[in-house]
């Protein structure tokens, strides 16, 4: 299972959808990247393969980042969830 995570401006909680196939996750990621780069379409819709009735529509102007990762548990080998940011308390 692959997770596509959308980070919105001024919002701490990301929006996520799960995809069964890597190709489907890559396609959703690419669609988000293209939308961020061009501003078109104005809204981006994503669906979830695990919860089939889950849909999310995102205003592209509010989209700050998108990432994709393989779901292998709630935390990685380091004990932290996947992502780009580290909390100040995590520094050693």
PDB file of N, CA and C in Angstrom:
ATOM      1  N   UNK A   1       0.851  -1.172   0.000  1.00  0.00           N
ATOM      2  CA  UNK A   1       0.000   0.000   0.000  1.00  0.00           C
ATOM      3  C   UNK A   1       0.897   1.235   0.000  1.00  0.00           C
ATOM      4  N   UNK A   2       0.527   2.224  -0.788  1.00  0.00           N
ATOM      5  CA  UNK A   2       1.291   3.462  -0.905  1.00  0.00           C
ATOM      6  C   UNK A   2       0.434   4.627  -0.421  1.00  0.00           C
ATOM      7  N   UNK A   3       1.053   5.564   0.254  1.00  0.00           N
ATOM      8  CA  UNK A   3       0.368   6.733   0.787  1.00  0.00           C
ATOM      9  C   UNK A   3       0.771   7.952  -0.041  1.00  0.00           C
ATOM     10  N   UNK A   4      -0.216   8.708  -0.471  1.00  0.00           N
ATOM     11  CA  UNK A   4       0.020  10.000  -1.112  1.00  0.00           C
ATOM     12  C   UNK A   4      -0.472  11.037  -0.116  1.00  0.00           C
ATOM     13  N   UNK A   5       0.426  11.895   0.313  1.00  0.00           N
ATOM     14  CA  UNK A   5       0.132  12.860   1.375  1.00  0.00           C
ATOM     15  C   UNK A   5       0.195  14.274   0.803  1.00  0.00           C
ATOM     16  N   UNK A   6      -0.874  15.034   1.018  1.00  0.00           N
ATOM     17  CA  UNK A   6      -0.972  16.407   0.551  1.00  0.00           C
ATOM     18  C   UNK A   6      -0.870  17.338   1.754  1.00  0.00           C
ATOM     19  N   UNK A   7       0.064  18.271   1.710  1.00  0.00           N
ATOM     20  CA  UNK A   7       0.223  19.252   2.774  1.00  0.00           C
ATOM     21  C   UNK A   7      -0.343  20.574   2.286  1.00  0.00           C
ATOM     22  N   UNK A   8      -1.228  21.149   3.095  1.00  0.00           N
ATOM     23  CA  UNK A   8      -1.867  22.408   2.734  1.00  0.00           C
ATOM     24  C   UNK A   8      -1.234  23.570   3.481  1.00  0.00           C
ATOM     25  N   UNK A   9      -1.275  24.738   2.881  1.00  0.00           N
ATOM     26  CA  UNK A   9      -0.769  25.948   3.526  1.00  0.00           C
ATOM     27  C   UNK A   9      -1.607  26.242   4.769  1.00  0.00           C
ATOM     28  N   UNK A  10      -0.971  26.666   5.828  1.00  0.00           N
ATOM     29  CA  UNK A  10      -1.628  27.090   7.067  1.00  0.00           C
ATOM     30  C   UNK A  10      -2.431  25.976   7.727  1.00  0.00           C
ATOM     31  N   UNK A  11      -2.118  24.726   7.443  1.00  0.00           N
ATOM     32  CA  UNK A  11      -2.826  23.594   8.029  1.00  0.00           C
ATOM     33  C   UNK A  11      -1.802  22.569   8.507  1.00  0.00           C
ATOM     34  N   UNK A  12      -1.899  22.213   9.783  1.00  0.00           N
ATOM     35  CA  UNK A  12      -0.922  21.284  10.360  1.00  0.00           C
ATOM     36  C   UNK A  12      -1.148  19.836   9.925  1.00  0.00           C
ATOM     37  N   UNK A  13      -2.382  19.442   9.742  1.00  0.00           N
ATOM     38  CA  UNK A  13      -2.694  18.051   9.406  1.00  0.00           C
ATOM     39  C   UNK A  13      -2.734  17.851   7.894  1.00  0.00           C
ATOM     40  N   UNK A  14      -1.962  16.904   7.390  1.00  0.00           N
ATOM     41  CA  UNK A  14      -1.994  16.633   5.942  1.00  0.00           C
ATOM     42  C   UNK A  14      -3.226  15.811   5.565  1.00  0.00           C
ATOM     43  N   UNK A  15      -3.571  15.845   4.302  1.00  0.00           N
ATOM     44  CA  UNK A  15      -4.609  14.985   3.742  1.00  0.00           C
ATOM     45  C   UNK A  15      -3.912  13.807   3.086  1.00  0.00           C
ATOM     46  N   UNK A  16      -4.416  12.596   3.297  1.00  0.00           N
ATOM     47  CA  UNK A  16      -3.779  11.422   2.712  1.00  0.00           C
ATOM     48  C   UNK A  16      -4.795  10.532   2.019  1.00  0.00           C
ATOM     49  N   UNK A  17      -4.333   9.872   0.984  1.00  0.00           N
ATOM     50  CA  UNK A  17      -5.092   8.807   0.331  1.00  0.00           C
ATOM     51  C   UNK A  17      -4.143   7.630   0.147  1.00  0.00           C
ATOM     52  N   UNK A  18      -4.706   6.434   0.137  1.00  0.00           N
ATOM     53  CA  UNK A  18      -3.902   5.225  -0.023  1.00  0.00           C
ATOM     54  C   UNK A  18      -4.165   4.614  -1.393  1.00  0.00           C
ATOM     55  N   UNK A  19      -3.103   4.161  -2.015  1.00  0.00           N
ATOM     56  CA  UNK A  19      -3.188   3.504  -3.317  1.00  0.00           C
ATOM     57  C   UNK A  19      -2.574   2.117  -3.212  1.00  0.00           C
ATOM     58  N   UNK A  20      -3.212   1.139  -3.828  1.00  0.00           N
ATOM     59  CA  UNK A  20      -2.720  -0.242  -3.777  1.00  0.00           C
ATOM     60  C   UNK A  20      -1.474  -0.434  -4.633  1.00  0.00           C
ATOM     61  N   UNK A  21      -1.448   0.210  -5.776  1.00  0.00           N
ATOM     62  CA  UNK A  21      -0.361   0.032  -6.732  1.00  0.00           C
ATOM     63  C   UNK A  21       0.563   1.244  -6.748  1.00  0.00           C
ATOM     64  N   UNK A  22       1.841   0.992  -6.912  1.00  0.00           N
ATOM     65  CA  UNK A  22       2.814   2.070  -6.977  1.00  0.00           C
ATOM     66  C   UNK A  22       2.526   2.990  -8.166  1.00  0.00           C
ATOM     67  N   UNK A  23       2.124   2.420  -9.285  1.00  0.00           N
ATOM     68  CA  UNK A  23       1.843   3.224 -10.478  1.00  0.00           C
ATOM     69  C   UNK A  23       0.689   4.208 -10.227  1.00  0.00           C
ATOM     70  N   UNK A  24      -0.329   3.779  -9.513  1.00  0.00           N
ATOM     71  CA  UNK A  24      -1.457   4.660  -9.199  1.00  0.00           C
ATOM     72  C   UNK A  24      -1.030   5.777  -8.247  1.00  0.00           C
ATOM     73  N   UNK A  25      -0.183   5.446  -7.292  1.00  0.00           N
ATOM     74  CA  UNK A  25       0.330   6.450  -6.358  1.00  0.00           C
ATOM     75  C   UNK A  25       1.204   7.456  -7.096  1.00  0.00           C
ATOM     76  N   UNK A  26       2.051   6.962  -7.991  1.00  0.00           N
ATOM     77  CA  UNK A  26       2.907   7.837  -8.780  1.00  0.00           C
ATOM     78  C   UNK A  26       2.073   8.764  -9.671  1.00  0.00           C
ATOM     79  N   UNK A  27       0.975   8.251 -10.223  1.00  0.00           N
ATOM     80  CA  UNK A  27       0.106   9.055 -11.080  1.00  0.00           C
ATOM     81  C   UNK A  27      -0.559  10.177 -10.274  1.00  0.00           C
ATOM     82  N   UNK A  28      -1.016   9.874  -9.065  1.00  0.00           N
ATOM     83  CA  UNK A  28      -1.621  10.899  -8.206  1.00  0.00           C
ATOM     84  C   UNK A  28      -0.588  11.946  -7.811  1.00  0.00           C
ATOM     85  N   UNK A  29       0.616  11.499  -7.495  1.00  0.00           N
ATOM     86  CA  UNK A  29       1.718  12.398  -7.144  1.00  0.00           C
ATOM     87  C   UNK A  29       2.045  13.321  -8.316  1.00  0.00           C
ATOM     88  N   UNK A  30       2.150  12.734  -9.513  1.00  0.00           N
ATOM     89  CA  UNK A  30       2.472  13.505 -10.714  1.00  0.00           C
ATOM     90  C   UNK A  30       1.376  14.514 -11.033  1.00  0.00           C
ATOM     91  N   UNK A  31       0.119  14.113 -10.869  1.00  0.00           N
ATOM     92  CA  UNK A  31      -0.993  15.032 -11.117  1.00  0.00           C
ATOM     93  C   UNK A  31      -0.932  16.221 -10.161  1.00  0.00           C
ATOM     94  N   UNK A  32      -0.598  15.967  -8.894  1.00  0.00           N
ATOM     95  CA  UNK A  32      -0.470  17.046  -7.923  1.00  0.00           C
ATOM     96  C   UNK A  32       0.700  17.965  -8.275  1.00  0.00           C
ATOM     97  N   UNK A  33       1.837  17.380  -8.660  1.00  0.00           N
ATOM     98  CA  UNK A  33       2.993  18.188  -9.046  1.00  0.00           C
ATOM     99  C   UNK A  33       2.689  19.063 -10.261  1.00  0.00           C
ATOM    100  N   UNK A  34       2.035  18.494 -11.244  1.00  0.00           N
ATOM    101  CA  UNK A  34       1.673  19.252 -12.440  1.00  0.00           C
ATOM    102  C   UNK A  34       0.715  20.393 -12.091  1.00  0.00           C
ATOM    103  N   UNK A  35      -0.236  20.119 -11.197  1.00  0.00           N
ATOM    104  CA  UNK A  35      -1.198  21.140 -10.789  1.00  0.00           C
ATOM    105  C   UNK A  35      -0.505  22.273 -10.033  1.00  0.00           C
ATOM    106  N   UNK A  36       0.457  21.936  -9.170  1.00  0.00           N
ATOM    107  CA  UNK A  36       1.199  22.962  -8.435  1.00  0.00           C
ATOM    108  C   UNK A  36       1.999  23.825  -9.412  1.00  0.00           C
ATOM    109  N   UNK A  37       2.657  23.195 -10.366  1.00  0.00           N
ATOM    110  CA  UNK A  37       3.507  23.921 -11.306  1.00  0.00           C
ATOM    111  C   UNK A  37       2.721  24.843 -12.240  1.00  0.00           C
ATOM    112  N   UNK A  38       1.564  24.376 -12.682  1.00  0.00           N
ATOM    113  CA  UNK A  38       0.818  25.145 -13.680  1.00  0.00           C
ATOM    114  C   UNK A  38      -0.342  25.947 -13.111  1.00  0.00           C
ATOM    115  N   UNK A  39      -0.849  25.548 -11.954  1.00  0.00           N
ATOM    116  CA  UNK A  39      -2.044  26.203 -11.415  1.00  0.00           C
ATOM    117  C   UNK A  39      -3.325  25.668 -12.028  1.00  0.00           C
ATOM    118  N   UNK A  40      -3.196  24.711 -12.934  1.00  0.00           N
ATOM    119  CA  UNK A  40      -4.362  24.085 -13.560  1.00  0.00           C
ATOM    120  C   UNK A  40      -4.337  22.608 -13.294  1.00  0.00           C
ATOM    121  N   UNK A  41      -5.393  21.979 -12.973  1.00  0.00           N
ATOM    122  CA  UNK A  41      -6.720  22.531 -12.755  1.00  0.00           C
ATOM    123  C   UNK A  41      -6.771  23.340 -11.456  1.00  0.00           C
ATOM    124  N   UNK A  42      -7.865  24.042 -11.240  1.00  0.00           N
ATOM    125  CA  UNK A  42      -8.023  24.861 -10.033  1.00  0.00           C
ATOM    126  C   UNK A  42      -8.203  23.973  -8.813  1.00  0.00           C
ATOM    127  N   UNK A  43      -8.897  22.855  -8.980  1.00  0.00           N
ATOM    128  CA  UNK A  43      -9.054  21.893  -7.890  1.00  0.00           C
ATOM    129  C   UNK A  43      -8.510  20.545  -8.334  1.00  0.00           C
ATOM    130  N   UNK A  44      -8.005  19.818  -7.368  1.00  0.00           N
ATOM    131  CA  UNK A  44      -7.447  18.493  -7.609  1.00  0.00           C
ATOM    132  C   UNK A  44      -8.249  17.504  -6.783  1.00  0.00           C
ATOM    133  N   UNK A  45      -8.742  16.448  -7.402  1.00  0.00           N
ATOM    134  CA  UNK A  45      -9.510  15.436  -6.675  1.00  0.00           C
ATOM    135  C   UNK A  45      -8.690  14.156  -6.574  1.00  0.00           C
ATOM    136  N   UNK A  46      -8.685  13.573  -5.388  1.00  0.00           N
ATOM    137  CA  UNK A  46      -7.978  12.311  -5.168  1.00  0.00           C
ATOM    138  C   UNK A  46      -8.931  11.332  -4.485  1.00  0.00           C
ATOM    139  N   UNK A  47      -8.783  10.065  -4.840  1.00  0.00           N
ATOM    140  CA  UNK A  47      -9.597   9.014  -4.240  1.00  0.00           C
ATOM    141  C   UNK A  47      -8.685   8.019  -3.536  1.00  0.00           C
ATOM    142  N   UNK A  48      -9.268   7.281  -2.606  1.00  0.00           N
ATOM    143  CA  UNK A  48      -8.524   6.316  -1.805  1.00  0.00           C
ATOM    144  C   UNK A  48      -8.906   4.904  -2.227  1.00  0.00           C
ATOM    145  N   UNK A  49      -7.912   4.035  -2.384  1.00  0.00           N
ATOM    146  CA  UNK A  49      -8.186   2.643  -2.750  1.00  0.00           C
ATOM    147  C   UNK A  49      -8.604   1.809  -1.544  1.00  0.00           C
ATOM    148  N   UNK A  50      -8.137   2.168  -0.356  1.00  0.00           N
ATOM    149  CA  UNK A  50      -8.469   1.380   0.830  1.00  0.00           C
ATOM    150  C   UNK A  50      -9.887   1.671   1.304  1.00  0.00           C
ATOM    151  N   UNK A  51     -10.219   2.948   1.430  1.00  0.00           N
ATOM    152  CA  UNK A  51     -11.578   3.361   1.803  1.00  0.00           C
ATOM    153  C   UNK A  51     -12.206   3.895   0.523  1.00  0.00           C
ATOM    154  N   UNK A  52     -12.935   3.036  -0.174  1.00  0.00           N
ATOM    155  CA  UNK A  52     -13.343   3.335  -1.544  1.00  0.00           C
ATOM    156  C   UNK A  52     -14.278   4.527  -1.663  1.00  0.00           C
ATOM    157  N   UNK A  53     -15.009   4.874  -0.610  1.00  0.00           N
ATOM    158  CA  UNK A  53     -15.892   6.031  -0.699  1.00  0.00           C
ATOM    159  C   UNK A  53     -15.228   7.317  -0.210  1.00  0.00           C
ATOM    160  N   UNK A  54     -13.934   7.272   0.074  1.00  0.00           N
ATOM    161  CA  UNK A  54     -13.192   8.457   0.511  1.00  0.00           C
ATOM    162  C   UNK A  54     -12.696   9.214  -0.707  1.00  0.00           C
ATOM    163  N   UNK A  55     -13.076  10.481  -0.782  1.00  0.00           N
ATOM    164  CA  UNK A  55     -12.629  11.372  -1.851  1.00  0.00           C
ATOM    165  C   UNK A  55     -12.225  12.685  -1.202  1.00  0.00           C
ATOM    166  N   UNK A  56     -11.236  13.341  -1.785  1.00  0.00           N
ATOM    167  CA  UNK A  56     -10.825  14.643  -1.291  1.00  0.00           C
ATOM    168  C   UNK A  56     -10.612  15.560  -2.483  1.00  0.00           C
ATOM    169  N   UNK A  57     -11.117  16.785  -2.373  1.00  0.00           N
ATOM    170  CA  UNK A  57     -10.899  17.804  -3.387  1.00  0.00           C
ATOM    171  C   UNK A  57     -10.073  18.907  -2.742  1.00  0.00           C
ATOM    172  N   UNK A  58      -9.014  19.303  -3.425  1.00  0.00           N
ATOM    173  CA  UNK A  58      -8.062  20.257  -2.870  1.00  0.00           C
ATOM    174  C   UNK A  58      -7.962  21.454  -3.808  1.00  0.00           C
ATOM    175  N   UNK A  59      -8.041  22.666  -3.240  1.00  0.00           N
ATOM    176  CA  UNK A  59      -7.792  23.876  -4.016  1.00  0.00           C
ATOM    177  C   UNK A  59      -6.281  23.933  -4.275  1.00  0.00           C
ATOM    178  N   UNK A  60      -5.880  23.884  -5.516  1.00  0.00           N
ATOM    179  CA  UNK A  60      -4.467  23.825  -5.879  1.00  0.00           C
ATOM    180  C   UNK A  60      -3.708  25.026  -5.308  1.00  0.00           C
ATOM    181  N   UNK A  61      -4.351  26.165  -5.202  1.00  0.00           N
ATOM    182  CA  UNK A  61      -3.693  27.356  -4.656  1.00  0.00           C
ATOM    183  C   UNK A  61      -3.329  27.178  -3.182  1.00  0.00           C
ATOM    184  N   UNK A  62      -3.957  26.248  -2.498  1.00  0.00           N
ATOM    185  CA  UNK A  62      -3.676  25.987  -1.083  1.00  0.00           C
ATOM    186  C   UNK A  62      -2.711  24.819  -0.876  1.00  0.00           C
ATOM    187  N   UNK A  63      -2.313  24.156  -1.936  1.00  0.00           N
ATOM    188  CA  UNK A  63      -1.432  22.986  -1.865  1.00  0.00           C
ATOM    189  C   UNK A  63       0.021  23.435  -1.725  1.00  0.00           C
ATOM    190  N   UNK A  64       0.655  23.042  -0.614  1.00  0.00           N
ATOM    191  CA  UNK A  64       2.043  23.452  -0.352  1.00  0.00           C
ATOM    192  C   UNK A  64       3.034  22.370  -0.756  1.00  0.00           C
ATOM    193  N   UNK A  65       2.679  21.100  -0.554  1.00  0.00           N
ATOM    194  CA  UNK A  65       3.605  20.009  -0.839  1.00  0.00           C
ATOM    195  C   UNK A  65       2.829  18.720  -1.037  1.00  0.00           C
ATOM    196  N   UNK A  66       3.485  17.771  -1.695  1.00  0.00           N
ATOM    197  CA  UNK A  66       2.933  16.432  -1.861  1.00  0.00           C
ATOM    198  C   UNK A  66       4.083  15.450  -1.721  1.00  0.00           C
ATOM    199  N   UNK A  67       3.814  14.340  -1.062  1.00  0.00           N
ATOM    200  CA  UNK A  67       4.840  13.310  -0.953  1.00  0.00           C
ATOM    201  C   UNK A  67       4.189  11.941  -1.090  1.00  0.00           C
ATOM    202  N   UNK A  68       5.004  10.974  -1.436  1.00  0.00           N
ATOM    203  CA  UNK A  68       4.541   9.610  -1.613  1.00  0.00           C
ATOM    204  C   UNK A  68       5.494   8.708  -0.842  1.00  0.00           C
ATOM    205  N   UNK A  69       4.941   7.716  -0.156  1.00  0.00           N
ATOM    206  CA  UNK A  69       5.773   6.745   0.539  1.00  0.00           C
ATOM    207  C   UNK A  69       5.022   5.433   0.683  1.00  0.00           C
ATOM    208  N   UNK A  70       5.783   4.379   0.878  1.00  0.00           N
ATOM    209  CA  UNK A  70       5.194   3.053   1.026  1.00  0.00           C
ATOM    210  C   UNK A  70       4.794   2.855   2.480  1.00  0.00           C
ATOM    211  N   UNK A  71       3.583   2.361   2.683  1.00  0.00           N
ATOM    212  CA  UNK A  71       3.100   2.112   4.035  1.00  0.00           C
ATOM    213  C   UNK A  71       3.695   0.791   4.515  1.00  0.00           C
ATOM    214  N   UNK A  72       4.559   0.880   5.507  1.00  0.00           N
ATOM    215  CA  UNK A  72       5.180  -0.325   6.046  1.00  0.00           C
ATOM    216  C   UNK A  72       5.002  -0.392   7.555  1.00  0.00           C
ATOM    217  N   UNK A  73       4.115   0.398   8.081  1.00  0.00           N
ATOM    218  CA  UNK A  73       3.900   0.493   9.513  1.00  0.00           C
ATOM    219  C   UNK A  73       3.696   1.945   9.876  1.00  0.00           C
ATOM    220  N   UNK A  74       3.464   2.220  11.151  1.00  0.00           N
ATOM    221  CA  UNK A  74       3.182   3.589  11.562  1.00  0.00           C
ATOM    222  C   UNK A  74       4.437   4.430  11.680  1.00  0.00           C
ATOM    223  N   UNK A  75       5.590   3.813  11.813  1.00  0.00           N
ATOM    224  CA  UNK A  75       6.836   4.583  11.909  1.00  0.00           C
ATOM    225  C   UNK A  75       7.950   3.811  11.224  1.00  0.00           C
ATOM    226  N   UNK A  76       8.935   4.536  10.793  1.00  0.00           N
ATOM    227  CA  UNK A  76      10.069   3.911  10.116  1.00  0.00           C
ATOM    228  C   UNK A  76      11.026   3.296  11.108  1.00  0.00           C
ATOM    229  N   UNK A  77      12.149   2.829  10.630  1.00  0.00           N
ATOM    230  CA  UNK A  77      13.158   2.196  11.468  1.00  0.00           C
ATOM    231  C   UNK A  77      13.694   3.159  12.522  1.00  0.00           C
ATOM    232  N   UNK A  78      13.646   4.456  12.213  1.00  0.00           N
ATOM    233  CA  UNK A  78      14.151   5.443  13.159  1.00  0.00           C
ATOM    234  C   UNK A  78      13.140   5.757  14.250  1.00  0.00           C
ATOM    235  N   UNK A  79      11.920   5.225  14.150  1.00  0.00           N
ATOM    236  CA  UNK A  79      10.899   5.503  15.140  1.00  0.00           C
ATOM    237  C   UNK A  79      10.079   6.739  14.826  1.00  0.00           C
ATOM    238  N   UNK A  80      10.342   7.346  13.669  1.00  0.00           N
ATOM    239  CA  UNK A  80       9.595   8.535  13.270  1.00  0.00           C
ATOM    240  C   UNK A  80       8.761   8.237  12.038  1.00  0.00           C
ATOM    241  N   UNK A  81       7.630   8.919  11.935  1.00  0.00           N
ATOM    242  CA  UNK A  81       6.793   8.784  10.753  1.00  0.00           C
ATOM    243  C   UNK A  81       7.494   9.421   9.562  1.00  0.00           C
ATOM    244  N   UNK A  82       7.214   8.979   8.327  1.00  0.00           N
ATOM    245  CA  UNK A  82       7.854   9.575   7.162  1.00  0.00           C
ATOM    246  C   UNK A  82       7.484  11.044   7.042  1.00  0.00           C
ATOM    247  N   UNK A  83       8.367  11.826   6.468  1.00  0.00           N
ATOM    248  CA  UNK A  83       8.097  13.243   6.252  1.00  0.00           C
ATOM    249  C   UNK A  83       9.374  14.011   6.070  1.00  0.00           C
ATOM    250  N   UNK A  84       9.232  15.294   5.808  1.00  0.00           N
ATOM    251  CA  UNK A  84      10.384  16.140   5.528  1.00  0.00           C
ATOM    252  C   UNK A  84      10.836  16.937   6.740  1.00  0.00           C
ATOM    253  N   UNK A  85       9.958  17.112   7.714  1.00  0.00           N
ATOM    254  CA  UNK A  85      10.234  18.030   8.800  1.00  0.00           C
ATOM    255  C   UNK A  85      10.575  17.283  10.076  1.00  0.00           C
ATOM    256  N   UNK A  86      11.503  17.814  10.837  1.00  0.00           N
ATOM    257  CA  UNK A  86      11.843  17.275  12.151  1.00  0.00           C
ATOM    258  C   UNK A  86      11.439  18.290  13.199  1.00  0.00           C
ATOM    259  N   UNK A  87      10.929  17.823  14.295  1.00  0.00           N
ATOM    260  CA  UNK A  87      10.588  18.717  15.390  1.00  0.00           C
ATOM    261  C   UNK A  87      11.850  19.186  16.082  1.00  0.00           C
ATOM    262  N   UNK A  88      11.819  20.349  16.658  1.00  0.00           N
ATOM    263  CA  UNK A  88      12.994  20.901  17.316  1.00  0.00           C
ATOM    264  C   UNK A  88      13.469  19.993  18.445  1.00  0.00           C
ATOM    265  N   UNK A  89      12.561  19.299  19.116  1.00  0.00           N
ATOM    266  CA  UNK A  89      12.921  18.400  20.195  1.00  0.00           C
ATOM    267  C   UNK A  89      13.616  17.134  19.740  1.00  0.00           C
ATOM    268  N   UNK A  90      13.552  16.825  18.434  1.00  0.00           N
ATOM    269  CA  UNK A  90      14.187  15.618  17.896  1.00  0.00           C
ATOM    270  C   UNK A  90      15.684  15.802  17.662  1.00  0.00           C
ATOM    271  N   UNK A  91      16.142  17.057  17.665  1.00  0.00           N
ATOM    272  CA  UNK A  91      17.555  17.314  17.392  1.00  0.00           C
ATOM    273  C   UNK A  91      18.402  16.878  18.556  1.00  0.00           C
ATOM    274  N   UNK A  92      19.595  16.345  18.264  1.00  0.00           N
ATOM    275  CA  UNK A  92      20.503  15.890  19.321  1.00  0.00           C
ATOM    276  C   UNK A  92      21.828  16.570  19.211  1.00  0.00           C
TER     277      UNK A  92
END
